[in-house]
Amino acid sequence: MKASRQLLALAAAAAAVFGTSIANAESTYGYNTTGAAVSATARVAVNVTVPKVIMLRVGSDNTAVDTVAITLTPNGVGAEGNALPFSWDGSAPTFTASTAPGLAAYAWTNVTGATLNGAVTTPDAGTTGLTAAAIDVTASTTGTNPLPHPGTNTGTFTPVALAPNVAYSGTWTFGLNPTAAAAAAAGTFSQTVTYTASAL
């Protein structure tokens, strides 16, 4: 009993010196006078907080908004000018759209249930008759984890699921739909598309 009283006295003294941090800690002891095995246990709770992170890049690696420039050229017509000789059979002309450089597209998140979506945030106010649906978008399918475009054009968007801890990368190429191009009036069409990667 003498040893037991000494242990209790030491514990009380330590608590007085070090304050409540030791008084609140889990502590046990083992004690046996017959020579049997003894043990003591103490538990520690470890809590790790992992912040939610989501990243998205479309276009250049900067804060500027990339511009995709597409120009239509009438087939069978030569240099620009007026009153130039031209052989024409009366058929409506066809147009060829210039090929715009593809934009790099990257996404990453560590959140389950994340999605990538898009929306036209600044619609066209021109007079060409073109709509957002006239802008086709093709996503590259090469690479380990190609990033799909959320829709085949910028007129209708469908959310794309992003798996956690997967580095997606790809190239998105924007073009003008040939049928829409054939029906367009002269002028300029422009719009701003905003892509959003999000998770609850």
N, C-alpha and C. Protein backbone atom coordinates (compact mmCIF):
# COMPACT_ATOMS: atom_id res chain seq x y z
N MET A 1 0.82 -1.20 0.00
CA MET A 1 0.00 0.00 0.00
C MET A 1 0.86 1.26 0.00
N LYS A 2 2.07 1.12 0.61
CA LYS A 2 2.94 2.28 0.68
C LYS A 2 3.33 2.74 -0.73
N ALA A 3 3.66 1.78 -1.60
CA ALA A 3 4.02 2.13 -2.98
C ALA A 3 2.86 2.78 -3.70
N SER A 4 1.66 2.30 -3.47
CA SER A 4 0.48 2.87 -4.10
C SER A 4 0.28 4.31 -3.68
N ARG A 5 0.48 4.56 -2.39
CA ARG A 5 0.31 5.94 -1.90
C ARG A 5 1.38 6.84 -2.51
N GLN A 6 2.59 6.31 -2.70
CA GLN A 6 3.66 7.11 -3.30
C GLN A 6 3.34 7.46 -4.76
N LEU A 7 2.80 6.49 -5.52
CA LEU A 7 2.43 6.75 -6.91
C LEU A 7 1.36 7.82 -7.02
N LEU A 8 0.35 7.73 -6.16
CA LEU A 8 -0.73 8.71 -6.16
C LEU A 8 -0.22 10.09 -5.79
N ALA A 9 0.73 10.14 -4.85
CA ALA A 9 1.29 11.42 -4.44
C ALA A 9 2.10 12.04 -5.57
N LEU A 10 2.86 11.22 -6.29
CA LEU A 10 3.64 11.72 -7.43
C LEU A 10 2.73 12.24 -8.54
N ALA A 11 1.65 11.54 -8.81
CA ALA A 11 0.71 11.98 -9.85
C ALA A 11 0.07 13.30 -9.47
N ALA A 12 -0.30 13.44 -8.22
CA ALA A 12 -0.92 14.69 -7.76
C ALA A 12 0.07 15.84 -7.86
N ALA A 13 1.33 15.58 -7.52
CA ALA A 13 2.35 16.63 -7.60
C ALA A 13 2.60 17.05 -9.04
N ALA A 14 2.64 16.08 -9.96
CA ALA A 14 2.86 16.40 -11.37
C ALA A 14 1.72 17.22 -11.93
N ALA A 15 0.52 16.88 -11.54
CA ALA A 15 -0.65 17.64 -12.00
C ALA A 15 -0.60 19.07 -11.50
N ALA A 16 -0.14 19.25 -10.28
CA ALA A 16 -0.05 20.60 -9.74
C ALA A 16 1.00 21.42 -10.47
N VAL A 17 2.10 20.78 -10.88
CA VAL A 17 3.19 21.49 -11.56
C VAL A 17 2.81 21.84 -12.99
N PHE A 18 2.28 20.87 -13.72
CA PHE A 18 2.03 21.06 -15.16
C PHE A 18 0.63 21.52 -15.50
N GLY A 19 -0.25 21.63 -14.57
CA GLY A 19 -1.57 22.19 -14.82
C GLY A 19 -2.54 21.16 -15.39
N THR A 20 -3.62 21.69 -15.98
CA THR A 20 -4.72 20.83 -16.40
C THR A 20 -4.40 19.98 -17.61
N SER A 21 -3.36 20.30 -18.40
CA SER A 21 -3.07 19.50 -19.59
C SER A 21 -2.75 18.07 -19.22
N ILE A 22 -2.03 17.86 -18.13
CA ILE A 22 -1.75 16.50 -17.68
C ILE A 22 -2.94 15.94 -16.94
N ALA A 23 -3.63 16.75 -16.19
CA ALA A 23 -4.79 16.27 -15.45
C ALA A 23 -5.85 15.72 -16.39
N ASN A 24 -5.95 16.31 -17.62
CA ASN A 24 -6.96 15.88 -18.56
C ASN A 24 -6.49 14.75 -19.47
N ALA A 25 -5.19 14.48 -19.50
CA ALA A 25 -4.66 13.43 -20.36
C ALA A 25 -5.05 12.06 -19.83
N GLU A 26 -5.19 11.11 -20.78
CA GLU A 26 -5.52 9.75 -20.35
C GLU A 26 -4.26 9.08 -19.81
N SER A 27 -4.34 8.53 -18.61
CA SER A 27 -3.19 7.82 -18.03
C SER A 27 -3.70 6.67 -17.18
N THR A 28 -2.97 5.57 -17.21
CA THR A 28 -3.30 4.41 -16.40
C THR A 28 -2.01 3.84 -15.82
N TYR A 29 -2.12 2.94 -14.86
CA TYR A 29 -0.92 2.26 -14.38
C TYR A 29 -1.25 0.83 -14.04
N GLY A 30 -0.23 0.00 -14.04
CA GLY A 30 -0.36 -1.40 -13.63
C GLY A 30 0.42 -1.62 -12.33
N TYR A 31 -0.13 -2.42 -11.45
CA TYR A 31 0.53 -2.62 -10.14
C TYR A 31 0.20 -4.04 -9.66
N ASN A 32 1.23 -4.79 -9.30
CA ASN A 32 1.01 -6.16 -8.81
C ASN A 32 2.15 -6.54 -7.88
N THR A 33 1.82 -7.07 -6.72
CA THR A 33 2.85 -7.42 -5.73
C THR A 33 3.25 -8.89 -5.79
N THR A 34 2.59 -9.68 -6.67
CA THR A 34 2.88 -11.11 -6.71
C THR A 34 3.87 -11.48 -7.81
N GLY A 35 4.29 -10.52 -8.60
CA GLY A 35 5.21 -10.80 -9.69
C GLY A 35 4.53 -11.06 -11.02
N ALA A 36 3.20 -10.98 -11.10
CA ALA A 36 2.49 -11.18 -12.35
C ALA A 36 2.77 -10.01 -13.30
N ALA A 37 2.54 -10.25 -14.57
CA ALA A 37 2.77 -9.20 -15.56
C ALA A 37 1.85 -8.01 -15.32
N VAL A 38 2.34 -6.83 -15.58
CA VAL A 38 1.56 -5.61 -15.44
C VAL A 38 1.61 -4.82 -16.75
N SER A 39 0.67 -3.94 -16.94
CA SER A 39 0.66 -3.10 -18.14
C SER A 39 -0.07 -1.81 -17.86
N ALA A 40 0.20 -0.82 -18.68
CA ALA A 40 -0.49 0.47 -18.62
C ALA A 40 -0.76 0.92 -20.05
N THR A 41 -1.86 1.57 -20.28
CA THR A 41 -2.22 2.04 -21.63
C THR A 41 -2.56 3.52 -21.61
N ALA A 42 -2.35 4.16 -22.72
CA ALA A 42 -2.74 5.56 -22.89
C ALA A 42 -3.07 5.77 -24.35
N ARG A 43 -4.17 6.39 -24.61
CA ARG A 43 -4.63 6.60 -25.98
C ARG A 43 -4.44 8.05 -26.42
N VAL A 44 -4.18 8.23 -27.73
CA VAL A 44 -4.06 9.56 -28.32
C VAL A 44 -4.97 9.61 -29.55
N ALA A 45 -5.84 10.59 -29.61
CA ALA A 45 -6.71 10.77 -30.78
C ALA A 45 -6.00 11.69 -31.78
N VAL A 46 -5.85 11.23 -33.02
CA VAL A 46 -5.20 12.01 -34.07
C VAL A 46 -6.26 12.44 -35.09
N ASN A 47 -6.41 13.71 -35.29
CA ASN A 47 -7.38 14.25 -36.25
C ASN A 47 -6.64 14.98 -37.36
N VAL A 48 -6.90 14.62 -38.62
CA VAL A 48 -6.28 15.26 -39.78
C VAL A 48 -7.36 15.96 -40.59
N THR A 49 -7.17 17.23 -40.88
CA THR A 49 -8.11 17.99 -41.70
C THR A 49 -7.50 18.21 -43.07
N VAL A 50 -8.15 17.69 -44.11
CA VAL A 50 -7.70 17.86 -45.49
C VAL A 50 -8.60 18.90 -46.15
N PRO A 51 -8.06 20.04 -46.58
CA PRO A 51 -8.92 21.07 -47.18
C PRO A 51 -9.41 20.66 -48.56
N LYS A 52 -10.57 21.19 -48.94
CA LYS A 52 -11.08 20.97 -50.29
C LYS A 52 -10.30 21.84 -51.27
N VAL A 53 -9.85 21.22 -52.36
CA VAL A 53 -9.11 21.95 -53.38
C VAL A 53 -9.68 21.59 -54.75
N ILE A 54 -9.88 22.59 -55.59
CA ILE A 54 -10.32 22.34 -56.96
C ILE A 54 -9.61 23.34 -57.87
N MET A 55 -9.11 22.85 -59.01
CA MET A 55 -8.33 23.68 -59.93
C MET A 55 -8.84 23.51 -61.36
N LEU A 56 -8.80 24.59 -62.12
CA LEU A 56 -9.27 24.55 -63.51
C LEU A 56 -8.46 25.55 -64.32
N ARG A 57 -8.05 25.12 -65.50
CA ARG A 57 -7.39 26.02 -66.45
C ARG A 57 -7.92 25.72 -67.84
N VAL A 58 -8.32 26.76 -68.57
CA VAL A 58 -8.71 26.64 -69.97
C VAL A 58 -8.00 27.76 -70.72
N GLY A 59 -7.09 27.39 -71.59
CA GLY A 59 -6.33 28.38 -72.33
C GLY A 59 -4.97 28.62 -71.74
N SER A 60 -4.47 29.84 -71.89
CA SER A 60 -3.13 30.20 -71.46
C SER A 60 -3.01 30.16 -69.94
N ASP A 61 -1.77 30.00 -69.47
CA ASP A 61 -1.50 29.93 -68.04
C ASP A 61 -1.30 31.34 -67.50
N ASN A 62 -2.39 32.10 -67.47
CA ASN A 62 -2.33 33.47 -66.95
C ASN A 62 -3.73 33.91 -66.58
N THR A 63 -3.92 35.19 -66.31
CA THR A 63 -5.23 35.68 -65.92
C THR A 63 -6.00 36.29 -67.09
N ALA A 64 -5.41 36.29 -68.28
CA ALA A 64 -6.09 36.86 -69.44
C ALA A 64 -7.12 35.89 -69.99
N VAL A 65 -8.15 36.42 -70.63
CA VAL A 65 -9.17 35.60 -71.28
C VAL A 65 -8.72 35.33 -72.71
N ASP A 66 -8.52 34.06 -73.05
CA ASP A 66 -8.09 33.72 -74.41
C ASP A 66 -9.21 34.00 -75.41
N THR A 67 -8.84 34.42 -76.60
CA THR A 67 -9.80 34.67 -77.67
C THR A 67 -9.62 33.64 -78.78
N VAL A 68 -10.71 33.00 -79.15
CA VAL A 68 -10.71 32.05 -80.26
C VAL A 68 -11.23 32.80 -81.49
N ALA A 69 -10.37 32.97 -82.49
CA ALA A 69 -10.73 33.73 -83.69
C ALA A 69 -10.99 32.77 -84.85
N ILE A 70 -12.19 32.86 -85.42
CA ILE A 70 -12.58 32.02 -86.56
C ILE A 70 -13.03 32.95 -87.68
N THR A 71 -12.48 32.75 -88.86
CA THR A 71 -12.83 33.58 -90.01
C THR A 71 -13.36 32.70 -91.14
N LEU A 72 -14.45 33.13 -91.77
CA LEU A 72 -15.02 32.41 -92.90
C LEU A 72 -14.47 32.97 -94.21
N THR A 73 -14.14 32.08 -95.13
CA THR A 73 -13.66 32.48 -96.45
C THR A 73 -14.52 31.81 -97.51
N PRO A 74 -15.09 32.58 -98.45
CA PRO A 74 -15.90 31.96 -99.51
C PRO A 74 -15.02 31.15 -100.45
N ASN A 75 -15.44 29.94 -100.74
CA ASN A 75 -14.68 29.07 -101.63
C ASN A 75 -14.78 29.56 -103.08
N GLY A 76 -13.68 29.43 -103.81
CA GLY A 76 -13.67 29.81 -105.23
C GLY A 76 -13.42 31.27 -105.47
N VAL A 77 -13.21 32.03 -104.43
CA VAL A 77 -12.96 33.47 -104.57
C VAL A 77 -11.49 33.73 -104.29
N GLY A 78 -10.87 34.59 -105.08
CA GLY A 78 -9.44 34.87 -104.93
C GLY A 78 -9.16 36.00 -103.97
N ALA A 79 -8.31 36.91 -104.40
CA ALA A 79 -7.89 38.02 -103.56
C ALA A 79 -9.03 39.00 -103.33
N GLU A 80 -8.90 39.75 -102.24
CA GLU A 80 -9.89 40.79 -101.95
C GLU A 80 -9.79 41.91 -102.98
N GLY A 81 -10.90 42.57 -103.24
CA GLY A 81 -10.91 43.70 -104.17
C GLY A 81 -12.29 43.91 -104.73
N ASN A 82 -12.40 44.80 -105.68
CA ASN A 82 -13.67 45.14 -106.31
C ASN A 82 -13.60 44.92 -107.82
N ALA A 83 -14.74 44.50 -108.39
CA ALA A 83 -14.86 44.31 -109.84
C ALA A 83 -13.79 43.38 -110.40
N LEU A 84 -13.49 42.33 -109.64
CA LEU A 84 -12.49 41.36 -110.10
C LEU A 84 -13.18 40.29 -110.95
N PRO A 85 -12.51 39.79 -111.98
CA PRO A 85 -13.13 38.76 -112.83
C PRO A 85 -13.38 37.49 -112.04
N PHE A 86 -14.54 36.86 -112.32
CA PHE A 86 -14.95 35.71 -111.51
C PHE A 86 -15.86 34.83 -112.33
N SER A 87 -15.57 33.54 -112.37
CA SER A 87 -16.41 32.59 -113.09
C SER A 87 -17.43 32.03 -112.10
N TRP A 88 -18.72 32.31 -112.37
CA TRP A 88 -19.75 31.92 -111.40
C TRP A 88 -20.91 31.28 -112.13
N ASP A 89 -21.42 30.13 -111.61
CA ASP A 89 -22.53 29.43 -112.25
C ASP A 89 -23.87 29.73 -111.62
N GLY A 90 -23.91 30.69 -110.71
CA GLY A 90 -25.17 31.08 -110.08
C GLY A 90 -25.47 30.34 -108.79
N SER A 91 -24.65 29.37 -108.41
CA SER A 91 -24.89 28.62 -107.17
C SER A 91 -24.45 29.46 -105.96
N ALA A 92 -25.13 29.22 -104.84
CA ALA A 92 -24.74 29.91 -103.61
C ALA A 92 -23.34 29.45 -103.21
N PRO A 93 -22.51 30.36 -102.75
CA PRO A 93 -21.14 29.98 -102.38
C PRO A 93 -21.12 29.17 -101.09
N THR A 94 -20.07 28.39 -100.97
CA THR A 94 -19.82 27.68 -99.71
C THR A 94 -18.65 28.38 -99.01
N PHE A 95 -18.56 28.15 -97.71
CA PHE A 95 -17.54 28.84 -96.93
C PHE A 95 -16.67 27.83 -96.19
N THR A 96 -15.42 28.19 -96.03
CA THR A 96 -14.50 27.40 -95.23
C THR A 96 -14.09 28.23 -94.01
N ALA A 97 -14.23 27.64 -92.85
CA ALA A 97 -13.86 28.34 -91.61
C ALA A 97 -12.40 28.07 -91.30
N SER A 98 -11.70 29.12 -90.87
CA SER A 98 -10.31 28.95 -90.47
C SER A 98 -10.25 28.06 -89.23
N THR A 99 -9.15 27.38 -89.07
CA THR A 99 -8.97 26.49 -87.91
C THR A 99 -8.33 27.27 -86.77
N ALA A 100 -9.03 27.35 -85.67
CA ALA A 100 -8.50 28.06 -84.50
C ALA A 100 -7.61 27.12 -83.70
N PRO A 101 -6.53 27.62 -83.12
CA PRO A 101 -5.67 26.77 -82.29
C PRO A 101 -6.45 26.20 -81.11
N GLY A 102 -6.16 24.96 -80.76
CA GLY A 102 -6.83 24.36 -79.61
C GLY A 102 -6.35 25.00 -78.31
N LEU A 103 -7.20 24.98 -77.31
CA LEU A 103 -6.86 25.53 -76.00
C LEU A 103 -6.55 24.41 -75.03
N ALA A 104 -5.49 24.58 -74.26
CA ALA A 104 -5.16 23.61 -73.22
C ALA A 104 -6.25 23.64 -72.15
N ALA A 105 -6.60 22.47 -71.64
CA ALA A 105 -7.63 22.39 -70.60
C ALA A 105 -7.17 21.41 -69.52
N TYR A 106 -7.14 21.88 -68.28
CA TYR A 106 -6.69 21.07 -67.16
C TYR A 106 -7.68 21.18 -66.00
N ALA A 107 -7.83 20.10 -65.24
CA ALA A 107 -8.69 20.13 -64.05
C ALA A 107 -8.16 19.14 -63.03
N TRP A 108 -8.33 19.48 -61.75
CA TRP A 108 -7.95 18.58 -60.66
C TRP A 108 -8.74 18.97 -59.41
N THR A 109 -9.10 17.96 -58.64
CA THR A 109 -9.74 18.21 -57.36
C THR A 109 -9.52 17.02 -56.45
N ASN A 110 -9.68 17.24 -55.17
CA ASN A 110 -9.62 16.14 -54.21
C ASN A 110 -10.98 15.91 -53.55
N VAL A 111 -12.03 16.44 -54.17
CA VAL A 111 -13.37 16.37 -53.63
C VAL A 111 -14.20 15.34 -54.40
N THR A 112 -14.88 14.47 -53.69
CA THR A 112 -15.78 13.51 -54.32
C THR A 112 -17.06 14.22 -54.77
N GLY A 113 -17.49 13.92 -55.97
CA GLY A 113 -18.74 14.51 -56.48
C GLY A 113 -18.54 15.84 -57.20
N ALA A 114 -17.32 16.20 -57.55
CA ALA A 114 -17.07 17.46 -58.25
C ALA A 114 -17.51 17.35 -59.71
N THR A 115 -17.85 18.48 -60.30
CA THR A 115 -18.28 18.52 -61.69
C THR A 115 -17.66 19.70 -62.42
N LEU A 116 -17.62 19.60 -63.74
CA LEU A 116 -17.20 20.69 -64.60
C LEU A 116 -18.36 21.03 -65.52
N ASN A 117 -18.67 22.32 -65.59
CA ASN A 117 -19.79 22.75 -66.42
C ASN A 117 -19.41 24.05 -67.13
N GLY A 118 -20.27 24.51 -68.01
CA GLY A 118 -20.02 25.75 -68.74
C GLY A 118 -21.30 26.51 -68.97
N ALA A 119 -21.16 27.78 -69.30
CA ALA A 119 -22.32 28.62 -69.60
C ALA A 119 -21.86 29.83 -70.40
N VAL A 120 -22.72 30.29 -71.29
CA VAL A 120 -22.44 31.53 -72.02
C VAL A 120 -22.82 32.68 -71.11
N THR A 121 -21.82 33.39 -70.61
CA THR A 121 -22.09 34.47 -69.65
C THR A 121 -22.24 35.82 -70.31
N THR A 122 -21.70 35.98 -71.52
CA THR A 122 -21.92 37.20 -72.29
C THR A 122 -22.37 36.78 -73.68
N PRO A 123 -23.69 36.78 -73.93
CA PRO A 123 -24.20 36.30 -75.22
C PRO A 123 -23.94 37.31 -76.34
N ASP A 124 -24.02 36.81 -77.57
CA ASP A 124 -23.80 37.66 -78.73
C ASP A 124 -24.96 38.62 -78.95
N ALA A 125 -24.61 39.83 -79.30
CA ALA A 125 -25.64 40.83 -79.60
C ALA A 125 -25.52 41.28 -81.05
N GLY A 126 -24.88 40.50 -81.90
CA GLY A 126 -24.66 40.87 -83.29
C GLY A 126 -25.85 40.56 -84.18
N THR A 127 -25.64 40.67 -85.47
CA THR A 127 -26.73 40.50 -86.44
C THR A 127 -26.43 39.40 -87.43
N THR A 128 -25.50 38.49 -87.11
CA THR A 128 -25.14 37.43 -88.05
C THR A 128 -26.18 36.32 -88.09
N GLY A 129 -26.99 36.22 -87.06
CA GLY A 129 -27.95 35.13 -86.97
C GLY A 129 -27.36 33.88 -86.34
N LEU A 130 -26.07 33.89 -86.05
CA LEU A 130 -25.46 32.76 -85.37
C LEU A 130 -25.87 32.72 -83.90
N THR A 131 -25.91 31.52 -83.34
CA THR A 131 -26.22 31.34 -81.93
C THR A 131 -25.08 30.57 -81.27
N ALA A 132 -25.15 30.43 -79.97
CA ALA A 132 -24.11 29.70 -79.24
C ALA A 132 -23.98 28.27 -79.73
N ALA A 133 -25.08 27.68 -80.18
CA ALA A 133 -25.05 26.30 -80.66
C ALA A 133 -24.25 26.14 -81.94
N ALA A 134 -23.91 27.25 -82.60
CA ALA A 134 -23.13 27.18 -83.85
C ALA A 134 -21.65 26.96 -83.58
N ILE A 135 -21.23 27.11 -82.34
CA ILE A 135 -19.82 26.94 -82.01
C ILE A 135 -19.60 25.52 -81.50
N ASP A 136 -19.03 24.68 -82.36
CA ASP A 136 -18.73 23.30 -81.98
C ASP A 136 -17.43 23.24 -81.18
N VAL A 137 -17.36 22.29 -80.25
CA VAL A 137 -16.14 22.10 -79.46
C VAL A 137 -15.77 20.62 -79.48
N THR A 138 -14.54 20.35 -79.87
CA THR A 138 -14.03 18.99 -79.90
C THR A 138 -12.94 18.85 -78.85
N ALA A 139 -13.04 17.83 -78.01
CA ALA A 139 -12.04 17.59 -76.97
C ALA A 139 -11.15 16.43 -77.39
N SER A 140 -9.84 16.59 -77.17
CA SER A 140 -8.91 15.51 -77.50
C SER A 140 -9.20 14.31 -76.61
N THR A 141 -8.96 13.12 -77.14
CA THR A 141 -9.21 11.89 -76.40
C THR A 141 -7.93 11.12 -76.12
N THR A 142 -6.80 11.75 -76.37
CA THR A 142 -5.52 11.09 -76.12
C THR A 142 -5.03 11.42 -74.71
N GLY A 143 -4.06 10.66 -74.25
CA GLY A 143 -3.51 10.90 -72.92
C GLY A 143 -4.14 9.97 -71.89
N THR A 144 -3.59 10.02 -70.69
CA THR A 144 -4.04 9.13 -69.63
C THR A 144 -5.43 9.50 -69.13
N ASN A 145 -5.66 10.77 -68.86
CA ASN A 145 -6.95 11.23 -68.34
C ASN A 145 -7.41 12.46 -69.13
N PRO A 146 -7.90 12.27 -70.36
CA PRO A 146 -8.33 13.42 -71.15
C PRO A 146 -9.53 14.12 -70.51
N LEU A 147 -9.53 15.43 -70.58
CA LEU A 147 -10.61 16.22 -69.99
C LEU A 147 -11.70 16.45 -71.03
N PRO A 148 -12.90 15.88 -70.83
CA PRO A 148 -13.98 16.09 -71.80
C PRO A 148 -14.52 17.52 -71.72
N HIS A 149 -15.01 18.01 -72.83
CA HIS A 149 -15.71 19.30 -72.83
C HIS A 149 -17.15 19.03 -72.41
N PRO A 150 -17.73 19.87 -71.56
CA PRO A 150 -19.11 19.62 -71.11
C PRO A 150 -20.16 19.96 -72.15
N GLY A 151 -20.11 19.28 -73.28
CA GLY A 151 -21.07 19.52 -74.36
C GLY A 151 -20.36 19.51 -75.70
N THR A 152 -21.11 19.22 -76.77
CA THR A 152 -20.51 19.20 -78.10
C THR A 152 -20.46 20.59 -78.72
N ASN A 153 -21.16 21.54 -78.14
CA ASN A 153 -21.09 22.93 -78.60
C ASN A 153 -21.33 23.84 -77.40
N THR A 154 -21.28 25.15 -77.62
CA THR A 154 -21.45 26.08 -76.50
C THR A 154 -22.90 26.50 -76.30
N GLY A 155 -23.80 25.83 -76.99
CA GLY A 155 -25.22 26.15 -76.83
C GLY A 155 -25.90 25.30 -75.78
N THR A 156 -25.41 24.09 -75.58
CA THR A 156 -25.99 23.18 -74.59
C THR A 156 -24.88 22.54 -73.80
N PHE A 157 -24.89 22.74 -72.49
CA PHE A 157 -23.85 22.18 -71.64
C PHE A 157 -24.40 21.06 -70.77
N THR A 158 -23.59 20.04 -70.58
CA THR A 158 -23.92 18.91 -69.71
C THR A 158 -22.78 18.72 -68.73
N PRO A 159 -23.05 18.74 -67.42
CA PRO A 159 -21.96 18.63 -66.44
C PRO A 159 -21.14 17.36 -66.64
N VAL A 160 -19.84 17.48 -66.45
CA VAL A 160 -18.90 16.37 -66.54
C VAL A 160 -18.40 16.06 -65.14
N ALA A 161 -18.45 14.78 -64.75
CA ALA A 161 -17.98 14.39 -63.42
C ALA A 161 -16.46 14.38 -63.38
N LEU A 162 -15.91 14.88 -62.28
CA LEU A 162 -14.47 14.88 -62.05
C LEU A 162 -14.16 13.96 -60.88
N ALA A 163 -13.39 12.92 -61.13
CA ALA A 163 -13.01 12.00 -60.07
C ALA A 163 -11.97 12.66 -59.17
N PRO A 164 -11.98 12.37 -57.88
CA PRO A 164 -10.99 12.99 -56.99
C PRO A 164 -9.59 12.46 -57.24
N ASN A 165 -8.62 13.36 -57.09
CA ASN A 165 -7.19 13.04 -57.18
C ASN A 165 -6.79 12.48 -58.55
N VAL A 166 -7.45 12.97 -59.59
CA VAL A 166 -7.10 12.60 -60.96
C VAL A 166 -6.71 13.89 -61.70
N ALA A 167 -5.53 13.90 -62.28
CA ALA A 167 -5.06 15.06 -63.05
C ALA A 167 -5.56 14.93 -64.48
N TYR A 168 -6.59 15.71 -64.83
CA TYR A 168 -7.14 15.70 -66.18
C TYR A 168 -6.40 16.73 -67.04
N SER A 169 -6.17 16.38 -68.30
CA SER A 169 -5.57 17.33 -69.23
C SER A 169 -6.02 17.00 -70.64
N GLY A 170 -6.10 18.02 -71.46
CA GLY A 170 -6.52 17.80 -72.84
C GLY A 170 -6.45 19.08 -73.64
N THR A 171 -6.99 19.02 -74.85
CA THR A 171 -7.05 20.18 -75.74
C THR A 171 -8.47 20.32 -76.25
N TRP A 172 -9.02 21.52 -76.13
CA TRP A 172 -10.36 21.81 -76.63
C TRP A 172 -10.22 22.68 -77.88
N THR A 173 -10.83 22.22 -78.99
CA THR A 173 -10.77 22.95 -80.25
C THR A 173 -12.15 23.48 -80.61
N PHE A 174 -12.22 24.77 -80.84
CA PHE A 174 -13.49 25.44 -81.14
C PHE A 174 -13.59 25.68 -82.65
N GLY A 175 -14.78 25.44 -83.20
CA GLY A 175 -14.99 25.65 -84.63
C GLY A 175 -16.41 26.07 -84.90
N LEU A 176 -16.65 26.49 -86.11
CA LEU A 176 -17.99 26.93 -86.52
C LEU A 176 -18.69 25.82 -87.26
N ASN A 177 -19.91 25.52 -86.85
CA ASN A 177 -20.69 24.47 -87.49
C ASN A 177 -20.94 24.83 -88.96
N PRO A 178 -20.65 23.92 -89.89
CA PRO A 178 -20.78 24.24 -91.32
C PRO A 178 -22.19 24.65 -91.73
N THR A 179 -23.19 24.00 -91.19
CA THR A 179 -24.58 24.34 -91.54
C THR A 179 -24.92 25.75 -91.07
N ALA A 180 -24.49 26.08 -89.85
CA ALA A 180 -24.75 27.42 -89.33
C ALA A 180 -23.99 28.46 -90.13
N ALA A 181 -22.76 28.11 -90.56
CA ALA A 181 -21.96 29.06 -91.34
C ALA A 181 -22.64 29.39 -92.66
N ALA A 182 -23.24 28.39 -93.30
CA ALA A 182 -23.88 28.60 -94.59
C ALA A 182 -25.09 29.53 -94.49
N ALA A 183 -25.70 29.61 -93.32
CA ALA A 183 -26.89 30.43 -93.15
C ALA A 183 -26.60 31.77 -92.47
N ALA A 184 -25.35 32.04 -92.16
CA ALA A 184 -25.02 33.26 -91.41
C ALA A 184 -25.02 34.49 -92.30
N ALA A 185 -25.42 35.60 -91.72
CA ALA A 185 -25.35 36.89 -92.41
C ALA A 185 -24.00 37.53 -92.12
N ALA A 186 -23.60 38.44 -92.99
CA ALA A 186 -22.32 39.13 -92.80
C ALA A 186 -22.33 39.91 -91.49
N GLY A 187 -21.20 39.91 -90.82
CA GLY A 187 -21.10 40.63 -89.55
C GLY A 187 -20.13 39.93 -88.62
N THR A 188 -20.22 40.24 -87.36
CA THR A 188 -19.32 39.67 -86.36
C THR A 188 -20.13 39.03 -85.24
N PHE A 189 -19.74 37.82 -84.88
CA PHE A 189 -20.38 37.11 -83.77
C PHE A 189 -19.36 36.97 -82.65
N SER A 190 -19.77 37.24 -81.44
CA SER A 190 -18.87 37.07 -80.30
C SER A 190 -19.68 36.69 -79.07
N GLN A 191 -19.03 35.96 -78.17
CA GLN A 191 -19.65 35.58 -76.91
C GLN A 191 -18.55 35.22 -75.92
N THR A 192 -18.88 35.21 -74.64
CA THR A 192 -17.94 34.79 -73.61
C THR A 192 -18.51 33.56 -72.92
N VAL A 193 -17.69 32.51 -72.86
CA VAL A 193 -18.09 31.26 -72.21
C VAL A 193 -17.30 31.14 -70.90
N THR A 194 -18.00 30.86 -69.82
CA THR A 194 -17.36 30.68 -68.53
C THR A 194 -17.49 29.22 -68.11
N TYR A 195 -16.36 28.61 -67.80
CA TYR A 195 -16.34 27.22 -67.33
C TYR A 195 -16.15 27.23 -65.82
N THR A 196 -16.87 26.34 -65.15
CA THR A 196 -16.84 26.30 -63.68
C THR A 196 -16.66 24.87 -63.21
N ALA A 197 -15.60 24.63 -62.44
CA ALA A 197 -15.42 23.35 -61.76
C ALA A 197 -15.85 23.59 -60.32
N SER A 198 -16.75 22.76 -59.81
CA SER A 198 -17.29 23.02 -58.49
C SER A 198 -17.56 21.72 -57.74
N ALA A 199 -17.65 21.84 -56.42
CA ALA A 199 -17.95 20.71 -55.57
C ALA A 199 -18.61 21.22 -54.31
N LEU A 200 -19.58 20.47 -53.80
CA LEU A 200 -20.26 20.86 -52.57
C LEU A 200 -19.38 20.55 -51.37
